[in-house]
Amino acid sequence: MVDRKGQKTRFSHKYKIEYSLNGTSWKMLVDKSKNNRDVPHDYIQLPDAVTARHIRITNLGTVPGEGKFAIIDMRVFGNGLGKASAEVKSASIKAYRQQDARSAVISWDKVTDADGYIYGTV
């Protein structure tokens, strides 16, 4: 039998996500061990914040075609406990017209203690 996604057999993603402060002692964060749905792009919003330094995911289900368990992307959002970097003081946007009129080049002076930048409203 073929389901609506073209799969010949029913597949579900079963996994658990744990967190730790020290990488040795782990606590359950998300338990999807009884999940019966195919959720390749699962989104989980926690009801309460947790403090963690390490995150690990463990596959608990079978993988189609007897393949290997793999993760393409796992994003974890939160606030770090360290001091915030300095704010970017000025940025410039230059229209970059080629085949796609939506393209642009954005540039700014590097902030020395930043390890990434997030665009916000001006």
PDB file of N, CA and C in Angstrom:
ATOM      1  N   MET A   1       0.837  -1.184   0.000  1.00  0.00           N
ATOM      2  CA  MET A   1       0.000   0.000   0.000  1.00  0.00           C
ATOM      3  C   MET A   1       0.884   1.250   0.000  1.00  0.00           C
ATOM      4  N   VAL A   2       0.471   2.259  -0.762  1.00  0.00           N
ATOM      5  CA  VAL A   2       1.219   3.514  -0.846  1.00  0.00           C
ATOM      6  C   VAL A   2       0.404   4.594  -0.157  1.00  0.00           C
ATOM      7  N   ASP A   3       1.040   5.348   0.761  1.00  0.00           N
ATOM      8  CA  ASP A   3       0.321   6.417   1.467  1.00  0.00           C
ATOM      9  C   ASP A   3       0.354   7.705   0.657  1.00  0.00           C
ATOM     10  N   ARG A   4      -0.192   8.782   1.215  1.00  0.00           N
ATOM     11  CA  ARG A   4      -0.317  10.049   0.493  1.00  0.00           C
ATOM     12  C   ARG A   4       1.024  10.694   0.156  1.00  0.00           C
ATOM     13  N   LYS A   5       2.097  10.282   0.822  1.00  0.00           N
ATOM     14  CA  LYS A   5       3.417  10.847   0.542  1.00  0.00           C
ATOM     15  C   LYS A   5       4.217   9.949  -0.412  1.00  0.00           C
ATOM     16  N   GLY A   6       3.571   8.889  -0.935  1.00  0.00           N
ATOM     17  CA  GLY A   6       4.253   8.014  -1.870  1.00  0.00           C
ATOM     18  C   GLY A   6       5.076   6.926  -1.209  1.00  0.00           C
ATOM     19  N   GLN A   7       5.003   6.811   0.109  1.00  0.00           N
ATOM     20  CA  GLN A   7       5.769   5.788   0.811  1.00  0.00           C
ATOM     21  C   GLN A   7       5.033   4.458   0.750  1.00  0.00           C
ATOM     22  N   LYS A   8       5.791   3.388   0.595  1.00  0.00           N
ATOM     23  CA  LYS A   8       5.188   2.061   0.514  1.00  0.00           C
ATOM     24  C   LYS A   8       4.875   1.499   1.897  1.00  0.00           C
ATOM     25  N   THR A   9       5.610   1.895   2.886  1.00  0.00           N
ATOM     26  CA  THR A   9       5.349   1.426   4.249  1.00  0.00           C
ATOM     27  C   THR A   9       5.198   2.622   5.163  1.00  0.00           C
ATOM     28  N   ARG A  10       4.484   2.434   6.243  1.00  0.00           N
ATOM     29  CA  ARG A  10       4.267   3.505   7.221  1.00  0.00           C
ATOM     30  C   ARG A  10       5.562   3.731   7.985  1.00  0.00           C
ATOM     31  N   PHE A  11       5.973   4.985   8.095  1.00  0.00           N
ATOM     32  CA  PHE A  11       7.204   5.337   8.808  1.00  0.00           C
ATOM     33  C   PHE A  11       6.897   6.409   9.835  1.00  0.00           C
ATOM     34  N   SER A  12       7.506   6.311  10.982  1.00  0.00           N
ATOM     35  CA  SER A  12       7.358   7.346  12.006  1.00  0.00           C
ATOM     36  C   SER A  12       8.729   7.657  12.596  1.00  0.00           C
ATOM     37  N   HIS A  13       8.892   8.899  13.013  1.00  0.00           N
ATOM     38  CA  HIS A  13      10.139   9.331  13.635  1.00  0.00           C
ATOM     39  C   HIS A  13      10.018   9.172  15.145  1.00  0.00           C
ATOM     40  N   LYS A  14      10.837   8.318  15.713  1.00  0.00           N
ATOM     41  CA  LYS A  14      10.863   8.088  17.156  1.00  0.00           C
ATOM     42  C   LYS A  14      12.265   8.463  17.642  1.00  0.00           C
ATOM     43  N   TYR A  15      12.301   9.380  18.606  1.00  0.00           N
ATOM     44  CA  TYR A  15      13.593   9.839  19.114  1.00  0.00           C
ATOM     45  C   TYR A  15      13.411  10.461  20.492  1.00  0.00           C
ATOM     46  N   LYS A  16      14.532  10.715  21.131  1.00  0.00           N
ATOM     47  CA  LYS A  16      14.521  11.484  22.375  1.00  0.00           C
ATOM     48  C   LYS A  16      15.631  12.519  22.295  1.00  0.00           C
ATOM     49  N   ILE A  17      15.383  13.647  22.938  1.00  0.00           N
ATOM     50  CA  ILE A  17      16.388  14.709  23.036  1.00  0.00           C
ATOM     51  C   ILE A  17      16.654  14.924  24.517  1.00  0.00           C
ATOM     52  N   GLU A  18      17.926  14.922  24.869  1.00  0.00           N
ATOM     53  CA  GLU A  18      18.321  15.133  26.252  1.00  0.00           C
ATOM     54  C   GLU A  18      19.240  16.349  26.333  1.00  0.00           C
ATOM     55  N   TYR A  19      19.362  16.885  27.545  1.00  0.00           N
ATOM     56  CA  TYR A  19      20.258  18.026  27.747  1.00  0.00           C
ATOM     57  C   TYR A  19      21.104  17.802  29.000  1.00  0.00           C
ATOM     58  N   SER A  20      22.235  18.518  29.038  1.00  0.00           N
ATOM     59  CA  SER A  20      23.165  18.369  30.148  1.00  0.00           C
ATOM     60  C   SER A  20      23.921  19.683  30.351  1.00  0.00           C
ATOM     61  N   LEU A  21      24.340  19.895  31.569  1.00  0.00           N
ATOM     62  CA  LEU A  21      25.206  21.040  31.865  1.00  0.00           C
ATOM     63  C   LEU A  21      26.684  20.655  31.766  1.00  0.00           C
ATOM     64  N   ASN A  22      26.990  19.368  32.006  1.00  0.00           N
ATOM     65  CA  ASN A  22      28.386  18.946  32.070  1.00  0.00           C
ATOM     66  C   ASN A  22      28.766  17.880  31.040  1.00  0.00           C
ATOM     67  N   GLY A  23      27.813  17.380  30.261  1.00  0.00           N
ATOM     68  CA  GLY A  23      28.109  16.364  29.264  1.00  0.00           C
ATOM     69  C   GLY A  23      28.181  14.957  29.843  1.00  0.00           C
ATOM     70  N   THR A  24      27.904  14.810  31.137  1.00  0.00           N
ATOM     71  CA  THR A  24      27.957  13.510  31.803  1.00  0.00           C
ATOM     72  C   THR A  24      26.599  13.116  32.357  1.00  0.00           C
ATOM     73  N   SER A  25      25.961  14.035  33.033  1.00  0.00           N
ATOM     74  CA  SER A  25      24.650  13.796  33.639  1.00  0.00           C
ATOM     75  C   SER A  25      23.577  14.383  32.726  1.00  0.00           C
ATOM     76  N   TRP A  26      22.649  13.518  32.231  1.00  0.00           N
ATOM     77  CA  TRP A  26      21.670  13.933  31.220  1.00  0.00           C
ATOM     78  C   TRP A  26      20.255  13.906  31.767  1.00  0.00           C
ATOM     79  N   LYS A  27      19.417  14.844  31.289  1.00  0.00           N
ATOM     80  CA  LYS A  27      18.003  14.908  31.642  1.00  0.00           C
ATOM     81  C   LYS A  27      17.178  14.908  30.363  1.00  0.00           C
ATOM     82  N   MET A  28      16.010  14.286  30.422  1.00  0.00           N
ATOM     83  CA  MET A  28      15.118  14.222  29.258  1.00  0.00           C
ATOM     84  C   MET A  28      14.553  15.608  28.956  1.00  0.00           C
ATOM     85  N   LEU A  29      14.590  15.982  27.702  1.00  0.00           N
ATOM     86  CA  LEU A  29      14.034  17.248  27.259  1.00  0.00           C
ATOM     87  C   LEU A  29      12.800  17.006  26.391  1.00  0.00           C
ATOM     88  N   VAL A  30      12.901  16.086  25.445  1.00  0.00           N
ATOM     89  CA  VAL A  30      11.798  15.741  24.547  1.00  0.00           C
ATOM     90  C   VAL A  30      11.768  14.226  24.400  1.00  0.00           C
ATOM     91  N   ASP A  31      10.599  13.636  24.597  1.00  0.00           N
ATOM     92  CA  ASP A  31      10.448  12.183  24.446  1.00  0.00           C
ATOM     93  C   ASP A  31       9.430  11.896  23.349  1.00  0.00           C
ATOM     94  N   LYS A  32       9.923  11.487  22.192  1.00  0.00           N
ATOM     95  CA  LYS A  32       9.061  11.129  21.061  1.00  0.00           C
ATOM     96  C   LYS A  32       9.135   9.619  20.815  1.00  0.00           C
ATOM     97  N   SER A  33       9.366   8.850  21.864  1.00  0.00           N
ATOM     98  CA  SER A  33       9.521   7.399  21.734  1.00  0.00           C
ATOM     99  C   SER A  33       8.239   6.705  21.306  1.00  0.00           C
ATOM    100  N   LYS A  34       7.091   7.304  21.567  1.00  0.00           N
ATOM    101  CA  LYS A  34       5.814   6.702  21.197  1.00  0.00           C
ATOM    102  C   LYS A  34       5.172   7.395  19.983  1.00  0.00           C
ATOM    103  N   ASN A  35       5.934   8.243  19.307  1.00  0.00           N
ATOM    104  CA  ASN A  35       5.418   8.962  18.149  1.00  0.00           C
ATOM    105  C   ASN A  35       5.067   7.993  17.025  1.00  0.00           C
ATOM    106  N   ASN A  36       3.937   8.182  16.385  1.00  0.00           N
ATOM    107  CA  ASN A  36       3.513   7.347  15.260  1.00  0.00           C
ATOM    108  C   ASN A  36       3.315   8.150  13.980  1.00  0.00           C
ATOM    109  N   ARG A  37       3.896   9.330  13.938  1.00  0.00           N
ATOM    110  CA  ARG A  37       3.738  10.196  12.766  1.00  0.00           C
ATOM    111  C   ARG A  37       5.056  10.355  12.021  1.00  0.00           C
ATOM    112  N   ASP A  38       4.956  10.603  10.730  1.00  0.00           N
ATOM    113  CA  ASP A  38       6.105  10.907   9.890  1.00  0.00           C
ATOM    114  C   ASP A  38       6.331  12.415   9.996  1.00  0.00           C
ATOM    115  N   VAL A  39       7.335  12.830  10.741  1.00  0.00           N
ATOM    116  CA  VAL A  39       7.587  14.257  10.982  1.00  0.00           C
ATOM    117  C   VAL A  39       9.045  14.605  10.665  1.00  0.00           C
ATOM    118  N   PRO A  40       9.413  14.635   9.376  1.00  0.00           N
ATOM    119  CA  PRO A  40      10.803  14.915   9.026  1.00  0.00           C
ATOM    120  C   PRO A  40      11.255  16.336   9.368  1.00  0.00           C
ATOM    121  N   HIS A  41      10.297  17.252   9.580  1.00  0.00           N
ATOM    122  CA  HIS A  41      10.629  18.633   9.933  1.00  0.00           C
ATOM    123  C   HIS A  41       9.920  18.997  11.233  1.00  0.00           C
ATOM    124  N   ASP A  42      10.135  18.203  12.245  1.00  0.00           N
ATOM    125  CA  ASP A  42       9.457  18.395  13.529  1.00  0.00           C
ATOM    126  C   ASP A  42       9.885  19.718  14.168  1.00  0.00           C
ATOM    127  N   TYR A  43       8.926  20.440  14.716  1.00  0.00           N
ATOM    128  CA  TYR A  43       9.191  21.689  15.431  1.00  0.00           C
ATOM    129  C   TYR A  43       8.683  21.522  16.851  1.00  0.00           C
ATOM    130  N   ILE A  44       9.548  21.798  17.803  1.00  0.00           N
ATOM    131  CA  ILE A  44       9.173  21.644  19.208  1.00  0.00           C
ATOM    132  C   ILE A  44       9.469  22.943  19.928  1.00  0.00           C
ATOM    133  N   GLN A  45       8.460  23.488  20.558  1.00  0.00           N
ATOM    134  CA  GLN A  45       8.640  24.667  21.395  1.00  0.00           C
ATOM    135  C   GLN A  45       8.439  24.231  22.829  1.00  0.00           C
ATOM    136  N   LEU A  46       9.438  24.439  23.653  1.00  0.00           N
ATOM    137  CA  LEU A  46       9.368  23.997  25.044  1.00  0.00           C
ATOM    138  C   LEU A  46       8.414  24.878  25.841  1.00  0.00           C
ATOM    139  N   PRO A  47       7.683  24.298  26.784  1.00  0.00           N
ATOM    140  CA  PRO A  47       6.768  25.100  27.595  1.00  0.00           C
ATOM    141  C   PRO A  47       7.517  26.022  28.563  1.00  0.00           C
ATOM    142  N   ASP A  48       8.692  25.582  28.992  1.00  0.00           N
ATOM    143  CA  ASP A  48       9.517  26.366  29.918  1.00  0.00           C
ATOM    144  C   ASP A  48      10.967  26.323  29.468  1.00  0.00           C
ATOM    145  N   ALA A  49      11.691  27.375  29.769  1.00  0.00           N
ATOM    146  CA  ALA A  49      13.109  27.440  29.418  1.00  0.00           C
ATOM    147  C   ALA A  49      13.923  26.462  30.254  1.00  0.00           C
ATOM    148  N   VAL A  50      15.001  25.955  29.672  1.00  0.00           N
ATOM    149  CA  VAL A  50      15.950  25.122  30.410  1.00  0.00           C
ATOM    150  C   VAL A  50      17.343  25.697  30.202  1.00  0.00           C
ATOM    151  N   THR A  51      18.228  25.435  31.138  1.00  0.00           N
ATOM    152  CA  THR A  51      19.619  25.836  31.008  1.00  0.00           C
ATOM    153  C   THR A  51      20.408  24.601  30.614  1.00  0.00           C
ATOM    154  N   ALA A  52      21.124  24.680  29.492  1.00  0.00           N
ATOM    155  CA  ALA A  52      21.865  23.534  28.978  1.00  0.00           C
ATOM    156  C   ALA A  52      23.145  23.994  28.304  1.00  0.00           C
ATOM    157  N   ARG A  53      24.129  23.143  28.344  1.00  0.00           N
ATOM    158  CA  ARG A  53      25.369  23.367  27.594  1.00  0.00           C
ATOM    159  C   ARG A  53      25.496  22.347  26.466  1.00  0.00           C
ATOM    160  N   HIS A  54      24.925  21.159  26.679  1.00  0.00           N
ATOM    161  CA  HIS A  54      25.003  20.074  25.699  1.00  0.00           C
ATOM    162  C   HIS A  54      23.601  19.584  25.365  1.00  0.00           C
ATOM    163  N   ILE A  55      23.392  19.217  24.114  1.00  0.00           N
ATOM    164  CA  ILE A  55      22.132  18.639  23.639  1.00  0.00           C
ATOM    165  C   ILE A  55      22.499  17.368  22.884  1.00  0.00           C
ATOM    166  N   ARG A  56      21.742  16.278  23.102  1.00  0.00           N
ATOM    167  CA  ARG A  56      21.968  15.080  22.299  1.00  0.00           C
ATOM    168  C   ARG A  56      20.627  14.488  21.882  1.00  0.00           C
ATOM    169  N   ILE A  57      20.623  13.918  20.683  1.00  0.00           N
ATOM    170  CA  ILE A  57      19.431  13.278  20.149  1.00  0.00           C
ATOM    171  C   ILE A  57      19.751  11.812  19.914  1.00  0.00           C
ATOM    172  N   THR A  58      18.817  10.946  20.276  1.00  0.00           N
ATOM    173  CA  THR A  58      18.993   9.506  20.100  1.00  0.00           C
ATOM    174  C   THR A  58      17.831   8.974  19.278  1.00  0.00           C
ATOM    175  N   ASN A  59      18.135   8.293  18.183  1.00  0.00           N
ATOM    176  CA  ASN A  59      17.110   7.671  17.359  1.00  0.00           C
ATOM    177  C   ASN A  59      16.580   6.433  18.070  1.00  0.00           C
ATOM    178  N   LEU A  60      15.270   6.282  18.116  1.00  0.00           N
ATOM    179  CA  LEU A  60      14.643   5.133  18.771  1.00  0.00           C
ATOM    180  C   LEU A  60      13.821   4.297  17.790  1.00  0.00           C
ATOM    181  N   GLY A  61      13.820   4.663  16.525  1.00  0.00           N
ATOM    182  CA  GLY A  61      12.993   3.957  15.549  1.00  0.00           C
ATOM    183  C   GLY A  61      13.813   3.344  14.435  1.00  0.00           C
ATOM    184  N   THR A  62      13.104   2.691  13.532  1.00  0.00           N
ATOM    185  CA  THR A  62      13.768   2.109  12.371  1.00  0.00           C
ATOM    186  C   THR A  62      13.947   3.174  11.304  1.00  0.00           C
ATOM    187  N   VAL A  63      14.911   2.947  10.437  1.00  0.00           N
ATOM    188  CA  VAL A  63      15.188   3.877   9.347  1.00  0.00           C
ATOM    189  C   VAL A  63      14.764   3.197   8.048  1.00  0.00           C
ATOM    190  N   PRO A  64      14.006   3.890   7.186  1.00  0.00           N
ATOM    191  CA  PRO A  64      13.557   3.273   5.933  1.00  0.00           C
ATOM    192  C   PRO A  64      14.717   2.739   5.100  1.00  0.00           C
ATOM    193  N   GLY A  65      14.489   1.613   4.450  1.00  0.00           N
ATOM    194  CA  GLY A  65      15.505   1.033   3.569  1.00  0.00           C
ATOM    195  C   GLY A  65      16.726   0.535   4.302  1.00  0.00           C
ATOM    196  N   GLU A  66      16.593   0.309   5.599  1.00  0.00           N
ATOM    197  CA  GLU A  66      17.707  -0.156   6.435  1.00  0.00           C
ATOM    198  C   GLU A  66      18.902   0.782   6.361  1.00  0.00           C
ATOM    199  N   GLY A  67      18.622   2.074   6.187  1.00  0.00           N
ATOM    200  CA  GLY A  67      19.685   3.066   6.105  1.00  0.00           C
ATOM    201  C   GLY A  67      20.199   3.467   7.485  1.00  0.00           C
ATOM    202  N   LYS A  68      21.060   4.435   7.513  1.00  0.00           N
ATOM    203  CA  LYS A  68      21.640   4.959   8.749  1.00  0.00           C
ATOM    204  C   LYS A  68      20.834   6.161   9.221  1.00  0.00           C
ATOM    205  N   PHE A  69      20.728   6.323  10.515  1.00  0.00           N
ATOM    206  CA  PHE A  69      20.084   7.496  11.103  1.00  0.00           C
ATOM    207  C   PHE A  69      20.951   8.714  10.812  1.00  0.00           C
ATOM    208  N   ALA A  70      20.333   9.796  10.350  1.00  0.00           N
ATOM    209  CA  ALA A  70      21.084  11.007  10.013  1.00  0.00           C
ATOM    210  C   ALA A  70      20.254  12.239  10.312  1.00  0.00           C
ATOM    211  N   ILE A  71      20.926  13.321  10.641  1.00  0.00           N
ATOM    212  CA  ILE A  71      20.286  14.615  10.877  1.00  0.00           C
ATOM    213  C   ILE A  71      20.910  15.603   9.910  1.00  0.00           C
ATOM    214  N   ILE A  72      20.080  16.337   9.208  1.00  0.00           N
ATOM    215  CA  ILE A  72      20.582  17.368   8.310  1.00  0.00           C
ATOM    216  C   ILE A  72      20.734  18.680   9.064  1.00  0.00           C
ATOM    217  N   ASP A  73      19.778  19.000   9.916  1.00  0.00           N
ATOM    218  CA  ASP A  73      19.798  20.299  10.583  1.00  0.00           C
ATOM    219  C   ASP A  73      19.069  20.191  11.912  1.00  0.00           C
ATOM    220  N   MET A  74      19.646  20.760  12.935  1.00  0.00           N
ATOM    221  CA  MET A  74      18.975  20.854  14.233  1.00  0.00           C
ATOM    222  C   MET A  74      19.279  22.245  14.772  1.00  0.00           C
ATOM    223  N   ARG A  75      18.242  23.026  14.950  1.00  0.00           N
ATOM    224  CA  ARG A  75      18.435  24.385  15.437  1.00  0.00           C
ATOM    225  C   ARG A  75      17.898  24.495  16.856  1.00  0.00           C
ATOM    226  N   VAL A  76      18.688  25.108  17.711  1.00  0.00           N
ATOM    227  CA  VAL A  76      18.314  25.324  19.107  1.00  0.00           C
ATOM    228  C   VAL A  76      18.405  26.824  19.352  1.00  0.00           C
ATOM    229  N   PHE A  77      17.326  27.401  19.839  1.00  0.00           N
ATOM    230  CA  PHE A  77      17.281  28.838  20.073  1.00  0.00           C
ATOM    231  C   PHE A  77      17.302  29.119  21.565  1.00  0.00           C
ATOM    232  N   GLY A  78      17.895  30.227  21.944  1.00  0.00           N
ATOM    233  CA  GLY A  78      17.902  30.595  23.346  1.00  0.00           C
ATOM    234  C   GLY A  78      18.780  31.799  23.590  1.00  0.00           C
ATOM    235  N   ASN A  79      18.980  32.087  24.838  1.00  0.00           N
ATOM    236  CA  ASN A  79      19.828  33.201  25.253  1.00  0.00           C
ATOM    237  C   ASN A  79      21.056  32.659  25.949  1.00  0.00           C
ATOM    238  N   GLY A  80      22.214  33.150  25.555  1.00  0.00           N
ATOM    239  CA  GLY A  80      23.438  32.763  26.239  1.00  0.00           C
ATOM    240  C   GLY A  80      23.545  33.492  27.568  1.00  0.00           C
ATOM    241  N   LEU A  81      24.347  32.959  28.451  1.00  0.00           N
ATOM    242  CA  LEU A  81      24.503  33.589  29.759  1.00  0.00           C
ATOM    243  C   LEU A  81      25.658  34.580  29.796  1.00  0.00           C
ATOM    244  N   GLY A  82      26.369  34.695  28.676  1.00  0.00           N
ATOM    245  CA  GLY A  82      27.509  35.607  28.634  1.00  0.00           C
ATOM    246  C   GLY A  82      27.095  37.035  28.331  1.00  0.00           C
ATOM    247  N   LYS A  83      28.086  37.911  28.285  1.00  0.00           N
ATOM    248  CA  LYS A  83      27.857  39.319  27.994  1.00  0.00           C
ATOM    249  C   LYS A  83      27.561  39.498  26.508  1.00  0.00           C
ATOM    250  N   ALA A  84      26.588  40.321  26.191  1.00  0.00           N
ATOM    251  CA  ALA A  84      26.224  40.572  24.792  1.00  0.00           C
ATOM    252  C   ALA A  84      27.342  41.333  24.092  1.00  0.00           C
ATOM    253  N   SER A  85      27.516  41.055  22.806  1.00  0.00           N
ATOM    254  CA  SER A  85      28.505  41.771  21.993  1.00  0.00           C
ATOM    255  C   SER A  85      28.049  43.201  21.770  1.00  0.00           C
ATOM    256  N   ALA A  86      28.980  44.030  21.346  1.00  0.00           N
ATOM    257  CA  ALA A  86      28.641  45.413  21.006  1.00  0.00           C
ATOM    258  C   ALA A  86      27.726  45.414  19.778  1.00  0.00           C
ATOM    259  N   GLU A  87      26.934  46.452  19.636  1.00  0.00           N
ATOM    260  CA  GLU A  87      25.994  46.573  18.519  1.00  0.00           C
ATOM    261  C   GLU A  87      26.726  47.095  17.289  1.00  0.00           C
ATOM    262  N   VAL A  88      26.322  46.634  16.117  1.00  0.00           N
ATOM    263  CA  VAL A  88      26.861  47.161  14.867  1.00  0.00           C
ATOM    264  C   VAL A  88      26.377  48.600  14.737  1.00  0.00           C
ATOM    265  N   LYS A  89      27.292  49.521  14.512  1.00  0.00           N
ATOM    266  CA  LYS A  89      26.939  50.948  14.482  1.00  0.00           C
ATOM    267  C   LYS A  89      26.411  51.406  13.135  1.00  0.00           C
ATOM    268  N   SER A  90      26.934  50.860  12.041  1.00  0.00           N
ATOM    269  CA  SER A  90      26.439  51.299  10.736  1.00  0.00           C
ATOM    270  C   SER A  90      26.516  50.140   9.753  1.00  0.00           C
ATOM    271  N   ALA A  91      25.568  50.122   8.865  1.00  0.00           N
ATOM    272  CA  ALA A  91      25.531  49.111   7.805  1.00  0.00           C
ATOM    273  C   ALA A  91      25.146  49.807   6.517  1.00  0.00           C
ATOM    274  N   SER A  92      25.566  49.232   5.392  1.00  0.00           N
ATOM    275  CA  SER A  92      25.182  49.799   4.099  1.00  0.00           C
ATOM    276  C   SER A  92      24.581  48.690   3.237  1.00  0.00           C
ATOM    277  N   ILE A  93      23.593  49.087   2.458  1.00  0.00           N
ATOM    278  CA  ILE A  93      22.928  48.145   1.566  1.00  0.00           C
ATOM    279  C   ILE A  93      23.070  48.685   0.153  1.00  0.00           C
ATOM    280  N   LYS A  94      23.616  47.868  -0.730  1.00  0.00           N
ATOM    281  CA  LYS A  94      23.830  48.269  -2.118  1.00  0.00           C
ATOM    282  C   LYS A  94      23.021  47.326  -2.996  1.00  0.00           C
ATOM    283  N   ALA A  95      22.160  47.877  -3.817  1.00  0.00           N
ATOM    284  CA  ALA A  95      21.383  47.053  -4.740  1.00  0.00           C
ATOM    285  C   ALA A  95      22.341  46.321  -5.664  1.00  0.00           C
ATOM    286  N   TYR A  96      22.069  45.076  -5.881  1.00  0.00           N
ATOM    287  CA  TYR A  96      22.932  44.222  -6.691  1.00  0.00           C
ATOM    288  C   TYR A  96      22.067  43.608  -7.773  1.00  0.00           C
ATOM    289  N   ARG A  97      21.919  44.288  -8.860  1.00  0.00           N
ATOM    290  CA  ARG A  97      20.984  43.889  -9.916  1.00  0.00           C
ATOM    291  C   ARG A  97      21.670  42.974 -10.935  1.00  0.00           C
ATOM    292  N   GLN A  98      21.212  41.760 -10.953  1.00  0.00           N
ATOM    293  CA  GLN A  98      21.613  40.839 -12.014  1.00  0.00           C
ATOM    294  C   GLN A  98      20.337  40.210 -12.534  1.00  0.00           C
ATOM    295  N   GLN A  99      20.260  38.898 -12.571  1.00  0.00           N
ATOM    296  CA  GLN A  99      19.040  38.244 -13.037  1.00  0.00           C
ATOM    297  C   GLN A  99      17.920  38.367 -12.015  1.00  0.00           C
ATOM    298  N   ASP A 100      18.256  38.426 -10.752  1.00  0.00           N
ATOM    299  CA  ASP A 100      17.247  38.486  -9.685  1.00  0.00           C
ATOM    300  C   ASP A 100      17.272  39.872  -9.054  1.00  0.00           C
ATOM    301  N   ALA A 101      16.228  40.657  -9.275  1.00  0.00           N
ATOM    302  CA  ALA A 101      16.169  42.025  -8.775  1.00  0.00           C
ATOM    303  C   ALA A 101      16.048  42.093  -7.258  1.00  0.00           C
ATOM    304  N   ARG A 102      15.825  40.955  -6.600  1.00  0.00           N
ATOM    305  CA  ARG A 102      15.701  40.951  -5.136  1.00  0.00           C
ATOM    306  C   ARG A 102      17.050  40.861  -4.438  1.00  0.00           C
ATOM    307  N   SER A 103      18.132  40.713  -5.173  1.00  0.00           N
ATOM    308  CA  SER A 103      19.461  40.555  -4.583  1.00  0.00           C
ATOM    309  C   SER A 103      20.024  41.889  -4.106  1.00  0.00           C
ATOM    310  N   ALA A 104      20.791  41.843  -3.032  1.00  0.00           N
ATOM    311  CA  ALA A 104      21.454  43.031  -2.502  1.00  0.00           C
ATOM    312  C   ALA A 104      22.710  42.601  -1.759  1.00  0.00           C
ATOM    313  N   VAL A 105      23.628  43.529  -1.594  1.00  0.00           N
ATOM    314  CA  VAL A 105      24.837  43.297  -0.812  1.00  0.00           C
ATOM    315  C   VAL A 105      24.728  44.151   0.443  1.00  0.00           C
ATOM    316  N   ILE A 106      24.840  43.511   1.588  1.00  0.00           N
ATOM    317  CA  ILE A 106      24.784  44.216   2.871  1.00  0.00           C
ATOM    318  C   ILE A 106      26.164  44.115   3.497  1.00  0.00           C
ATOM    319  N   SER A 107      26.704  45.246   3.929  1.00  0.00           N
ATOM    320  CA  SER A 107      28.031  45.219   4.555  1.00  0.00           C
ATOM    321  C   SER A 107      28.033  46.065   5.815  1.00  0.00           C
ATOM    322  N   TRP A 108      28.943  45.717   6.737  1.00  0.00           N
ATOM    323  CA  TRP A 108      29.065  46.414   8.004  1.00  0.00           C
ATOM    324  C   TRP A 108      30.468  46.206   8.545  1.00  0.00           C
ATOM    325  N   ASP A 109      30.851  47.047   9.486  1.00  0.00           N
ATOM    326  CA  ASP A 109      32.142  46.888  10.142  1.00  0.00           C
ATOM    327  C   ASP A 109      32.022  45.772  11.169  1.00  0.00           C
ATOM    328  N   LYS A 110      32.992  44.889  11.167  1.00  0.00           N
ATOM    329  CA  LYS A 110      32.974  43.740  12.070  1.00  0.00           C
ATOM    330  C   LYS A 110      33.029  44.194  13.531  1.00  0.00           C
ATOM    331  N   VAL A 111      32.237  43.527  14.364  1.00  0.00           N
ATOM    332  CA  VAL A 111      32.289  43.741  15.811  1.00  0.00           C
ATOM    333  C   VAL A 111      33.243  42.679  16.350  1.00  0.00           C
ATOM    334  N   THR A 112      34.287  43.093  17.056  1.00  0.00           N
ATOM    335  CA  THR A 112      35.383  42.181  17.412  1.00  0.00           C
ATOM    336  C   THR A 112      34.963  40.982  18.263  1.00  0.00           C
ATOM    337  N   ASP A 113      34.016  41.134  19.174  1.00  0.00           N
ATOM    338  CA  ASP A 113      33.673  40.011  20.048  1.00  0.00           C
ATOM    339  C   ASP A 113      32.408  39.266  19.620  1.00  0.00           C
ATOM    340  N   ALA A 114      31.901  39.546  18.414  1.00  0.00           N
ATOM    341  CA  ALA A 114      30.687  38.874  17.930  1.00  0.00           C
ATOM    342  C   ALA A 114      31.064  37.582  17.207  1.00  0.00           C
ATOM    343  N   ASP A 115      30.224  36.550  17.365  1.00  0.00           N
ATOM    344  CA  ASP A 115      30.455  35.320  16.612  1.00  0.00           C
ATOM    345  C   ASP A 115      29.334  35.071  15.605  1.00  0.00           C
ATOM    346  N   GLY A 116      28.476  36.053  15.418  1.00  0.00           N
ATOM    347  CA  GLY A 116      27.397  35.980  14.447  1.00  0.00           C
ATOM    348  C   GLY A 116      26.594  37.257  14.490  1.00  0.00           C
ATOM    349  N   TYR A 117      25.757  37.451  13.498  1.00  0.00           N
ATOM    350  CA  TYR A 117      24.955  38.653  13.404  1.00  0.00           C
ATOM    351  C   TYR A 117      23.513  38.283  13.095  1.00  0.00           C
ATOM    352  N   ILE A 118      22.577  38.979  13.695  1.00  0.00           N
ATOM    353  CA  ILE A 118      21.164  38.772  13.430  1.00  0.00           C
ATOM    354  C   ILE A 118      20.592  40.104  12.974  1.00  0.00           C
ATOM    355  N   TYR A 119      19.926  40.083  11.837  1.00  0.00           N
ATOM    356  CA  TYR A 119      19.335  41.312  11.312  1.00  0.00           C
ATOM    357  C   TYR A 119      18.084  41.636  12.101  1.00  0.00           C
ATOM    358  N   GLY A 120      17.962  42.858  12.518  1.00  0.00           N
ATOM    359  CA  GLY A 120      16.770  43.313  13.227  1.00  0.00           C
ATOM    360  C   GLY A 120      16.152  44.478  12.484  1.00  0.00           C
ATOM    361  N   THR A 121      15.141  45.055  13.060  1.00  0.00           N
ATOM    362  CA  THR A 121      14.501  46.215  12.440  1.00  0.00           C
ATOM    363  C   THR A 121      15.338  47.456  12.670  1.00  0.00           C
ATOM    364  N   VAL A 122      15.253  48.381  11.768  1.00  0.00           N
ATOM    365  CA  VAL A 122      16.017  49.627  11.857  1.00  0.00           C
ATOM    366  C   VAL A 122      15.133  50.717  12.361  1.00  0.00           C
TER     367      VAL A 122
END
